[in-house]
Amino acid sequence: MAVYDAPMHRPTKFEHNRWVGDKRTQVVYDIDNIDDPSIIEELMEAETFICFGPDTVDEARNRCYKPYKGNGSGLVEAET
C-alpha cells in the first residue's frame, strides 16, 4: 500500500490560485503538485511571486515562465 503526502496547503495570498511564478527565475510552480513545499515558503518570504489570470500553465507560458521540473531551473535535464 503506497503512502502519499497530503497536498500542500495554498498560501493565504494564493488560496484561489494553483499556478504561482517566481519573478527571479521565471519558473512557474503548480502548488497542488509540488514535491518540496519549502520552495513555495521561500518564494513567499522573498515576495518575488506572481499569479496569472487566467490561472493556467498556458497563461504562465504566454508570459515566458517555464514549468518547474523538480530541479528549480524550469529546464528539462537535457537542456541544462
N, C-alpha and C. Protein backbone atom coordinates (compact mmCIF):
# COMPACT_ATOMS: atom_id res chain seq x y z
N MET A 1 0.84 -1.18 0.00
CA MET A 1 0.00 0.00 0.00
C MET A 1 0.88 1.24 0.00
N ALA A 2 0.70 2.11 -0.95
CA ALA A 2 1.51 3.32 -1.07
C ALA A 2 1.00 4.38 -0.11
N VAL A 3 1.94 5.15 0.43
CA VAL A 3 1.59 6.24 1.34
C VAL A 3 1.89 7.55 0.61
N TYR A 4 0.92 8.44 0.58
CA TYR A 4 1.08 9.71 -0.11
C TYR A 4 0.97 10.84 0.89
N ASP A 5 1.76 11.88 0.67
CA ASP A 5 1.66 13.08 1.49
C ASP A 5 0.39 13.82 1.11
N ALA A 6 -0.17 14.51 2.07
CA ALA A 6 -1.32 15.37 1.78
C ALA A 6 -0.87 16.51 0.89
N PRO A 7 -1.74 17.04 0.03
CA PRO A 7 -1.35 18.16 -0.81
C PRO A 7 -0.97 19.37 0.04
N MET A 8 -0.08 20.19 -0.50
CA MET A 8 0.36 21.38 0.20
C MET A 8 -0.82 22.34 0.37
N HIS A 9 -0.90 22.96 1.53
CA HIS A 9 -1.92 24.00 1.72
C HIS A 9 -1.48 25.23 0.94
N ARG A 10 -2.41 25.83 0.26
CA ARG A 10 -2.09 27.01 -0.54
C ARG A 10 -1.80 28.20 0.38
N PRO A 11 -0.80 29.01 0.02
CA PRO A 11 -0.52 30.21 0.82
C PRO A 11 -1.74 31.12 0.84
N THR A 12 -1.91 31.87 1.92
CA THR A 12 -3.08 32.72 2.09
C THR A 12 -3.30 33.65 0.90
N LYS A 13 -2.23 34.24 0.38
CA LYS A 13 -2.36 35.16 -0.75
C LYS A 13 -2.80 34.47 -2.03
N PHE A 14 -2.63 33.14 -2.08
CA PHE A 14 -2.92 32.40 -3.31
C PHE A 14 -3.90 31.26 -3.06
N GLU A 15 -4.84 31.46 -2.14
CA GLU A 15 -5.77 30.39 -1.83
C GLU A 15 -6.68 30.03 -3.00
N HIS A 16 -6.80 30.94 -3.99
CA HIS A 16 -7.64 30.67 -5.16
C HIS A 16 -6.81 30.48 -6.42
N ASN A 17 -5.50 30.34 -6.27
CA ASN A 17 -4.61 30.15 -7.41
C ASN A 17 -3.87 28.83 -7.31
N ARG A 18 -3.70 28.18 -8.43
CA ARG A 18 -2.93 26.95 -8.48
C ARG A 18 -1.51 27.21 -8.98
N TRP A 19 -1.35 28.13 -9.90
CA TRP A 19 -0.06 28.40 -10.54
C TRP A 19 0.54 29.70 -10.01
N VAL A 20 1.76 29.61 -9.46
CA VAL A 20 2.45 30.76 -8.90
C VAL A 20 3.85 30.81 -9.48
N GLY A 21 4.21 31.99 -10.00
CA GLY A 21 5.52 32.15 -10.63
C GLY A 21 6.52 32.86 -9.74
N ASP A 22 7.80 32.60 -10.00
CA ASP A 22 8.91 33.27 -9.33
C ASP A 22 9.51 34.26 -10.31
N LYS A 23 9.42 35.55 -10.00
CA LYS A 23 9.91 36.60 -10.90
C LYS A 23 11.41 36.53 -11.09
N ARG A 24 12.15 35.99 -10.12
CA ARG A 24 13.61 35.94 -10.20
C ARG A 24 14.09 34.94 -11.24
N THR A 25 13.39 33.82 -11.36
CA THR A 25 13.84 32.73 -12.22
C THR A 25 12.93 32.47 -13.42
N GLN A 26 11.76 33.13 -13.44
CA GLN A 26 10.76 32.91 -14.49
C GLN A 26 10.31 31.45 -14.52
N VAL A 27 10.21 30.83 -13.33
CA VAL A 27 9.72 29.46 -13.20
C VAL A 27 8.34 29.52 -12.56
N VAL A 28 7.41 28.71 -13.06
CA VAL A 28 6.05 28.66 -12.50
C VAL A 28 5.89 27.32 -11.78
N TYR A 29 5.24 27.39 -10.61
CA TYR A 29 5.05 26.22 -9.77
C TYR A 29 3.57 25.87 -9.68
N ASP A 30 3.28 24.58 -9.72
CA ASP A 30 1.93 24.06 -9.51
C ASP A 30 1.82 23.76 -8.02
N ILE A 31 1.18 24.64 -7.28
CA ILE A 31 1.11 24.49 -5.83
C ILE A 31 0.44 23.20 -5.42
N ASP A 32 -0.49 22.70 -6.22
CA ASP A 32 -1.20 21.47 -5.87
C ASP A 32 -0.34 20.22 -6.06
N ASN A 33 0.74 20.31 -6.81
CA ASN A 33 1.55 19.13 -7.12
C ASN A 33 3.04 19.34 -6.90
N ILE A 34 3.43 20.20 -5.99
CA ILE A 34 4.85 20.46 -5.78
C ILE A 34 5.43 19.42 -4.82
N ASP A 35 6.64 18.97 -5.12
CA ASP A 35 7.25 17.93 -4.31
C ASP A 35 8.01 18.47 -3.10
N ASP A 36 8.33 19.76 -3.09
CA ASP A 36 9.09 20.37 -1.99
C ASP A 36 8.43 21.68 -1.56
N PRO A 37 7.57 21.63 -0.55
CA PRO A 37 6.85 22.83 -0.11
C PRO A 37 7.76 23.98 0.33
N SER A 38 9.00 23.67 0.70
CA SER A 38 9.91 24.74 1.14
C SER A 38 10.20 25.73 0.02
N ILE A 39 10.06 25.30 -1.23
CA ILE A 39 10.26 26.20 -2.37
C ILE A 39 9.23 27.33 -2.32
N ILE A 40 7.98 26.98 -2.09
CA ILE A 40 6.91 27.98 -2.03
C ILE A 40 7.06 28.84 -0.79
N GLU A 41 7.46 28.24 0.33
CA GLU A 41 7.68 29.01 1.55
C GLU A 41 8.75 30.07 1.32
N GLU A 42 9.86 29.69 0.66
CA GLU A 42 10.93 30.64 0.38
C GLU A 42 10.46 31.72 -0.58
N LEU A 43 9.66 31.36 -1.54
CA LEU A 43 9.12 32.32 -2.50
C LEU A 43 8.23 33.35 -1.81
N MET A 44 7.41 32.90 -0.86
CA MET A 44 6.55 33.82 -0.11
C MET A 44 7.39 34.76 0.75
N GLU A 45 8.46 34.26 1.36
CA GLU A 45 9.35 35.09 2.18
C GLU A 45 10.05 36.15 1.33
N ALA A 46 10.50 35.75 0.14
CA ALA A 46 11.22 36.68 -0.75
C ALA A 46 10.30 37.70 -1.39
N GLU A 47 9.00 37.41 -1.41
CA GLU A 47 7.99 38.30 -2.02
C GLU A 47 8.30 38.60 -3.49
N THR A 48 8.73 37.58 -4.21
CA THR A 48 9.02 37.72 -5.65
C THR A 48 8.06 36.86 -6.47
N PHE A 49 6.84 36.72 -6.00
CA PHE A 49 5.86 35.84 -6.63
C PHE A 49 4.93 36.63 -7.55
N ILE A 50 4.29 35.89 -8.43
CA ILE A 50 3.29 36.45 -9.33
C ILE A 50 2.24 35.38 -9.59
N CYS A 51 1.00 35.81 -9.76
CA CYS A 51 -0.04 34.86 -10.17
C CYS A 51 -0.50 35.24 -11.57
N PHE A 52 -1.27 34.38 -12.17
CA PHE A 52 -1.65 34.56 -13.56
C PHE A 52 -3.17 34.54 -13.70
N GLY A 53 -3.67 35.30 -14.64
CA GLY A 53 -5.10 35.35 -14.91
C GLY A 53 -5.31 35.19 -16.41
N PRO A 54 -5.90 34.12 -16.85
CA PRO A 54 -6.47 33.04 -16.07
C PRO A 54 -5.38 32.20 -15.41
N ASP A 55 -5.76 31.48 -14.37
CA ASP A 55 -4.85 30.68 -13.55
C ASP A 55 -4.55 29.35 -14.24
N THR A 56 -3.73 29.43 -15.31
CA THR A 56 -3.37 28.23 -16.08
C THR A 56 -1.89 28.25 -16.39
N VAL A 57 -1.33 27.06 -16.63
CA VAL A 57 0.07 26.97 -17.02
C VAL A 57 0.28 27.59 -18.40
N ASP A 58 -0.74 27.53 -19.26
CA ASP A 58 -0.63 28.14 -20.59
C ASP A 58 -0.46 29.65 -20.49
N GLU A 59 -1.17 30.29 -19.56
CA GLU A 59 -1.02 31.73 -19.38
C GLU A 59 0.38 32.05 -18.84
N ALA A 60 0.88 31.22 -17.94
CA ALA A 60 2.23 31.42 -17.44
C ALA A 60 3.25 31.31 -18.58
N ARG A 61 3.06 30.32 -19.44
CA ARG A 61 3.96 30.17 -20.60
C ARG A 61 3.85 31.38 -21.54
N ASN A 62 2.64 31.92 -21.70
CA ASN A 62 2.47 33.11 -22.53
C ASN A 62 3.31 34.28 -22.01
N ARG A 63 3.56 34.27 -20.71
CA ARG A 63 4.37 35.32 -20.08
C ARG A 63 5.82 34.90 -19.92
N CYS A 64 6.21 33.86 -20.65
CA CYS A 64 7.60 33.36 -20.71
C CYS A 64 8.07 32.66 -19.44
N TYR A 65 7.14 32.14 -18.64
CA TYR A 65 7.51 31.35 -17.47
C TYR A 65 7.60 29.89 -17.89
N LYS A 66 8.56 29.17 -17.32
CA LYS A 66 8.75 27.75 -17.61
C LYS A 66 8.28 26.93 -16.42
N PRO A 67 7.60 25.81 -16.66
CA PRO A 67 7.13 24.98 -15.55
C PRO A 67 8.29 24.39 -14.75
N TYR A 68 8.12 24.30 -13.46
CA TYR A 68 9.09 23.69 -12.55
C TYR A 68 9.26 22.22 -12.90
N LYS A 69 10.51 21.77 -13.01
CA LYS A 69 10.78 20.39 -13.40
C LYS A 69 11.39 19.56 -12.28
N GLY A 70 11.46 20.10 -11.07
CA GLY A 70 11.99 19.32 -9.96
C GLY A 70 13.37 19.76 -9.52
N ASN A 71 14.11 20.46 -10.40
CA ASN A 71 15.44 20.91 -10.00
C ASN A 71 15.48 22.42 -9.81
N GLY A 72 14.33 23.07 -9.93
CA GLY A 72 14.25 24.50 -9.69
C GLY A 72 14.56 25.37 -10.87
N SER A 73 15.09 24.81 -11.94
CA SER A 73 15.52 25.61 -13.08
C SER A 73 14.40 25.86 -14.08
N GLY A 74 13.41 25.00 -14.12
CA GLY A 74 12.37 25.09 -15.12
C GLY A 74 12.78 24.44 -16.42
N LEU A 75 14.00 23.92 -16.46
CA LEU A 75 14.52 23.27 -17.66
C LEU A 75 14.45 21.77 -17.54
N VAL A 76 14.28 21.10 -18.67
CA VAL A 76 14.36 19.65 -18.71
C VAL A 76 15.83 19.29 -18.51
N GLU A 77 16.12 18.19 -17.88
CA GLU A 77 17.51 17.79 -17.57
C GLU A 77 18.42 17.89 -18.80
N ALA A 78 17.95 17.50 -19.98
CA ALA A 78 18.76 17.51 -21.19
C ALA A 78 19.15 18.93 -21.60
N GLU A 79 18.38 19.94 -21.16
CA GLU A 79 18.66 21.32 -21.54
C GLU A 79 19.68 21.98 -20.63
N THR A 80 20.01 21.38 -19.48
CA THR A 80 20.90 22.01 -18.51
C THR A 80 22.34 21.91 -18.89
